[in-house]
Amino acid sequence: MPLVRSSAIARIEWDNGTLSIWFHESGRYDYYGVPEAIYRAFLAAPSKGSFYNARIKDRY
């Protein structure tokens, strides 16, 4: 369960294409069909919120 440093995101998990993101304010959201490479890039991104907005939101 990778906890992350972000003002918006508390935790990020990936399992067989399902990306689960826990937001501080609104809780857990699941995104389906997410490649593992996107998950790994998300974990490595310096800004989790910017990565989420550019690469995940409205795509999965």
N, C-alpha and C. Protein backbone atom coordinates (compact mmCIF):
# COMPACT_ATOMS: atom_id res chain seq x y z
N MET A 1 0.83 -1.18 0.00
CA MET A 1 0.00 0.00 0.00
C MET A 1 0.88 1.24 0.00
N PRO A 2 1.28 1.72 -1.15
CA PRO A 2 2.14 2.90 -1.21
C PRO A 2 1.44 4.19 -0.77
N LEU A 3 1.88 4.70 0.36
CA LEU A 3 1.43 6.02 0.79
C LEU A 3 2.30 7.02 0.04
N VAL A 4 1.72 8.13 -0.36
CA VAL A 4 2.46 9.10 -1.15
C VAL A 4 2.38 10.48 -0.51
N ARG A 5 3.35 11.32 -0.87
CA ARG A 5 3.35 12.71 -0.42
C ARG A 5 2.64 13.55 -1.46
N SER A 6 1.46 14.01 -1.11
CA SER A 6 0.68 14.82 -2.02
C SER A 6 -0.37 15.56 -1.22
N SER A 7 -0.68 16.76 -1.63
CA SER A 7 -1.72 17.52 -0.93
C SER A 7 -3.11 16.98 -1.25
N ALA A 8 -3.26 16.26 -2.36
CA ALA A 8 -4.57 15.75 -2.78
C ALA A 8 -4.72 14.25 -2.62
N ILE A 9 -3.61 13.49 -2.74
CA ILE A 9 -3.67 12.03 -2.81
C ILE A 9 -2.94 11.42 -1.62
N ALA A 10 -3.60 10.47 -0.96
CA ALA A 10 -3.03 9.83 0.22
C ALA A 10 -2.34 8.50 -0.11
N ARG A 11 -2.92 7.76 -1.06
CA ARG A 11 -2.44 6.39 -1.31
C ARG A 11 -2.76 5.99 -2.73
N ILE A 12 -1.90 5.16 -3.31
CA ILE A 12 -2.07 4.66 -4.67
C ILE A 12 -1.76 3.16 -4.67
N GLU A 13 -2.64 2.36 -5.27
CA GLU A 13 -2.40 0.93 -5.42
C GLU A 13 -2.77 0.51 -6.83
N TRP A 14 -2.14 -0.56 -7.31
CA TRP A 14 -2.44 -1.12 -8.62
C TRP A 14 -2.50 -2.63 -8.49
N ASP A 15 -3.52 -3.26 -9.10
CA ASP A 15 -3.64 -4.72 -9.08
C ASP A 15 -4.33 -5.17 -10.36
N ASN A 16 -3.57 -5.86 -11.20
CA ASN A 16 -4.11 -6.43 -12.45
C ASN A 16 -4.91 -5.42 -13.27
N GLY A 17 -4.40 -4.23 -13.43
CA GLY A 17 -5.04 -3.24 -14.28
C GLY A 17 -5.99 -2.29 -13.57
N THR A 18 -6.25 -2.55 -12.30
CA THR A 18 -7.11 -1.64 -11.54
C THR A 18 -6.24 -0.74 -10.68
N LEU A 19 -6.33 0.55 -10.94
CA LEU A 19 -5.61 1.55 -10.16
C LEU A 19 -6.58 2.13 -9.15
N SER A 20 -6.22 2.02 -7.87
CA SER A 20 -7.03 2.59 -6.79
C SER A 20 -6.28 3.78 -6.21
N ILE A 21 -7.00 4.89 -6.14
CA ILE A 21 -6.42 6.12 -5.62
C ILE A 21 -7.29 6.60 -4.47
N TRP A 22 -6.65 6.86 -3.34
CA TRP A 22 -7.34 7.41 -2.18
C TRP A 22 -7.04 8.90 -2.11
N PHE A 23 -8.07 9.72 -2.28
CA PHE A 23 -7.93 11.17 -2.18
C PHE A 23 -8.20 11.59 -0.74
N HIS A 24 -7.47 12.58 -0.27
CA HIS A 24 -7.66 13.06 1.11
C HIS A 24 -9.10 13.50 1.36
N GLU A 25 -9.68 14.20 0.43
CA GLU A 25 -11.00 14.80 0.65
C GLU A 25 -12.18 13.91 0.27
N SER A 26 -12.01 13.07 -0.76
CA SER A 26 -13.18 12.37 -1.28
C SER A 26 -13.11 10.85 -1.22
N GLY A 27 -12.04 10.28 -0.68
CA GLY A 27 -11.97 8.84 -0.53
C GLY A 27 -11.41 8.12 -1.75
N ARG A 28 -11.78 6.84 -1.85
CA ARG A 28 -11.20 5.95 -2.86
C ARG A 28 -11.96 5.99 -4.18
N TYR A 29 -11.17 5.98 -5.26
CA TYR A 29 -11.71 5.84 -6.61
C TYR A 29 -10.90 4.78 -7.33
N ASP A 30 -11.59 3.95 -8.12
CA ASP A 30 -10.94 2.90 -8.89
C ASP A 30 -10.99 3.23 -10.37
N TYR A 31 -9.88 2.97 -11.05
CA TYR A 31 -9.75 3.21 -12.49
C TYR A 31 -9.32 1.89 -13.13
N TYR A 32 -10.01 1.50 -14.20
CA TYR A 32 -9.82 0.17 -14.79
C TYR A 32 -9.06 0.24 -16.11
N GLY A 33 -8.30 -0.81 -16.37
CA GLY A 33 -7.54 -0.90 -17.61
C GLY A 33 -6.30 -0.04 -17.63
N VAL A 34 -5.76 0.25 -16.46
CA VAL A 34 -4.57 1.11 -16.35
C VAL A 34 -3.32 0.23 -16.46
N PRO A 35 -2.44 0.52 -17.43
CA PRO A 35 -1.21 -0.27 -17.56
C PRO A 35 -0.29 -0.09 -16.34
N GLU A 36 0.45 -1.13 -16.04
CA GLU A 36 1.37 -1.06 -14.91
C GLU A 36 2.40 0.05 -15.09
N ALA A 37 2.79 0.32 -16.33
CA ALA A 37 3.77 1.39 -16.59
C ALA A 37 3.23 2.76 -16.15
N ILE A 38 1.94 2.98 -16.31
CA ILE A 38 1.33 4.24 -15.87
C ILE A 38 1.38 4.31 -14.35
N TYR A 39 1.06 3.21 -13.69
CA TYR A 39 1.12 3.15 -12.23
C TYR A 39 2.53 3.47 -11.73
N ARG A 40 3.52 2.86 -12.32
CA ARG A 40 4.91 3.09 -11.88
C ARG A 40 5.34 4.53 -12.14
N ALA A 41 4.94 5.09 -13.27
CA ALA A 41 5.24 6.49 -13.57
C ALA A 41 4.52 7.42 -12.58
N PHE A 42 3.31 7.06 -12.21
CA PHE A 42 2.53 7.83 -11.23
C PHE A 42 3.28 7.87 -9.89
N LEU A 43 3.75 6.71 -9.44
CA LEU A 43 4.49 6.66 -8.18
C LEU A 43 5.76 7.51 -8.23
N ALA A 44 6.39 7.55 -9.39
CA ALA A 44 7.66 8.27 -9.53
C ALA A 44 7.47 9.77 -9.82
N ALA A 45 6.27 10.17 -10.16
CA ALA A 45 6.03 11.57 -10.54
C ALA A 45 6.27 12.51 -9.36
N PRO A 46 6.95 13.63 -9.61
CA PRO A 46 7.18 14.60 -8.54
C PRO A 46 5.89 15.25 -8.03
N SER A 47 4.92 15.41 -8.91
CA SER A 47 3.61 15.95 -8.52
C SER A 47 2.54 14.93 -8.85
N LYS A 48 2.00 14.29 -7.84
CA LYS A 48 0.98 13.26 -8.06
C LYS A 48 -0.29 13.88 -8.64
N GLY A 49 -0.67 15.05 -8.15
CA GLY A 49 -1.88 15.70 -8.65
C GLY A 49 -1.77 16.07 -10.12
N SER A 50 -0.64 16.61 -10.52
CA SER A 50 -0.44 16.98 -11.93
C SER A 50 -0.44 15.74 -12.82
N PHE A 51 0.22 14.68 -12.36
CA PHE A 51 0.24 13.43 -13.13
C PHE A 51 -1.17 12.88 -13.27
N TYR A 52 -1.91 12.85 -12.17
CA TYR A 52 -3.29 12.37 -12.21
C TYR A 52 -4.12 13.15 -13.23
N ASN A 53 -4.03 14.47 -13.19
CA ASN A 53 -4.81 15.31 -14.10
C ASN A 53 -4.42 15.11 -15.56
N ALA A 54 -3.13 14.93 -15.82
CA ALA A 54 -2.65 14.81 -17.20
C ALA A 54 -2.75 13.41 -17.78
N ARG A 55 -2.61 12.37 -16.95
CA ARG A 55 -2.45 11.02 -17.49
C ARG A 55 -3.53 10.01 -17.08
N ILE A 56 -4.36 10.36 -16.08
CA ILE A 56 -5.33 9.37 -15.58
C ILE A 56 -6.77 9.90 -15.66
N LYS A 57 -7.00 11.07 -15.13
CA LYS A 57 -8.36 11.64 -15.10
C LYS A 57 -8.94 11.70 -16.50
N ASP A 58 -10.16 11.27 -16.63
CA ASP A 58 -10.92 11.27 -17.90
C ASP A 58 -10.31 10.37 -18.97
N ARG A 59 -9.37 9.48 -18.60
CA ARG A 59 -8.78 8.53 -19.56
C ARG A 59 -9.14 7.09 -19.20
N TYR A 60 -9.35 6.83 -17.94
CA TYR A 60 -9.65 5.45 -17.50
C TYR A 60 -10.95 5.43 -16.70
